[in-house]
């Protein structure tokens, strides 16, 4: 990656209308669009390969409610002494 693609511009944004101290400001880093695109492509390829099939949060076409359903199904098939 070219060095200029990884350079960010740090800007201070106010947390409230009247900023009296440094704690009233929030720093954010503005990154170039090309860096964001490349980072998302790399992250998607590497992260989705390491995510277990039972993990549902933040994965397209997977719902967190499926985990709840799996828990109920598991409880139905366990002996009463287990829980």
Protein backbone atom coordinates (compact mmCIF):
# COMPACT_ATOMS: atom_id res chain seq x y z
CA UNK A 1 0.00 0.00 0.00
CA UNK A 2 1.23 3.48 -0.79
CA UNK A 3 2.24 5.49 2.30
CA UNK A 4 -0.18 8.33 1.55
CA UNK A 5 -3.10 5.84 1.58
CA UNK A 6 -2.39 5.07 5.25
CA UNK A 7 -2.05 8.67 6.42
CA UNK A 8 -5.00 10.08 8.33
CA UNK A 9 -5.97 13.60 9.24
CA UNK A 10 -6.86 14.00 12.93
CA UNK A 11 -9.63 16.52 13.56
CA UNK A 12 -11.22 17.58 16.83
CA UNK A 13 -15.01 17.66 16.98
CA UNK A 14 -16.87 19.23 19.88
CA UNK A 15 -18.84 16.95 22.23
CA UNK A 16 -21.09 19.82 23.34
CA UNK A 17 -21.91 23.38 22.29
CA UNK A 18 -19.55 25.19 24.69
CA UNK A 19 -16.11 23.56 24.87
CA UNK A 20 -14.18 24.79 27.90
CA UNK A 21 -11.56 22.05 28.34
CA UNK A 22 -9.75 19.47 26.25
CA UNK A 23 -12.15 16.79 27.56
CA UNK A 24 -14.99 18.54 25.72
CA UNK A 25 -13.47 17.59 22.36
CA UNK A 26 -13.51 14.24 20.54
CA UNK A 27 -10.65 13.37 18.16
CA UNK A 28 -11.53 11.55 14.93
CA UNK A 29 -9.22 10.38 12.18
CA UNK A 30 -10.22 11.02 8.59
CA UNK A 31 -8.79 8.26 6.38
CA UNK A 32 -8.64 8.21 2.57
CA UNK A 33 -11.44 6.30 0.83
CA UNK A 34 -9.00 3.91 -0.89
CA UNK A 35 -7.65 2.81 2.50
CA UNK A 36 -11.15 2.14 3.80
CA UNK A 37 -12.05 0.07 0.74
CA UNK A 38 -8.91 -2.05 0.91
CA UNK A 39 -9.27 -2.53 4.67
CA UNK A 40 -12.88 -3.71 4.30
CA UNK A 41 -11.99 -6.18 1.56
CA UNK A 42 -9.11 -7.64 3.58
CA UNK A 43 -11.15 -7.76 6.78
CA UNK A 44 -14.11 -9.45 5.11
CA UNK A 45 -11.96 -12.18 3.56
CA UNK A 46 -9.95 -12.90 6.70
CA UNK A 47 -12.64 -12.49 9.33
CA UNK A 48 -15.39 -14.52 7.71
CA UNK A 49 -13.05 -17.47 7.36
CA UNK A 50 -12.43 -17.54 11.12
CA UNK A 51 -16.00 -17.12 12.35
CA UNK A 52 -17.68 -20.22 13.73
CA UNK A 53 -21.00 -21.27 12.22
CA UNK A 54 -22.76 -20.73 15.59
CA UNK A 55 -21.76 -17.06 15.77
CA UNK A 56 -24.51 -14.90 14.37
CA UNK A 57 -23.93 -11.28 15.33
CA UNK A 58 -22.96 -8.85 12.54
CA UNK A 59 -22.91 -11.55 9.85
CA UNK A 60 -25.10 -10.99 6.78
CA UNK A 61 -28.11 -13.32 6.54
CA UNK A 62 -27.65 -14.56 10.13
CA UNK A 63 -29.97 -13.54 12.94
CA UNK A 64 -29.16 -13.42 16.66
CA UNK A 65 -32.57 -14.97 17.32
CA UNK A 66 -31.30 -18.19 15.76
CA UNK A 67 -28.99 -18.60 18.77
CA UNK A 68 -31.98 -18.33 21.10
CA UNK A 69 -33.82 -20.98 19.10
CA UNK A 70 -30.73 -23.23 19.21
CA UNK A 71 -30.58 -22.84 23.01
CA UNK A 72 -34.23 -23.86 23.39
CA UNK A 73 -33.75 -26.85 21.10
CA UNK A 74 -30.69 -27.90 23.08
CA UNK A 75 -32.60 -27.63 26.36
CA UNK A 76 -35.38 -29.84 24.99
CA UNK A 77 -32.95 -32.65 24.20
CA UNK A 78 -30.93 -32.60 27.44
CA UNK A 79 -31.87 -34.67 30.50
CA UNK A 80 -33.80 -32.83 33.24
CA UNK A 81 -30.90 -33.16 35.68
CA UNK A 82 -28.62 -31.02 33.48
CA UNK A 83 -30.35 -27.65 34.15
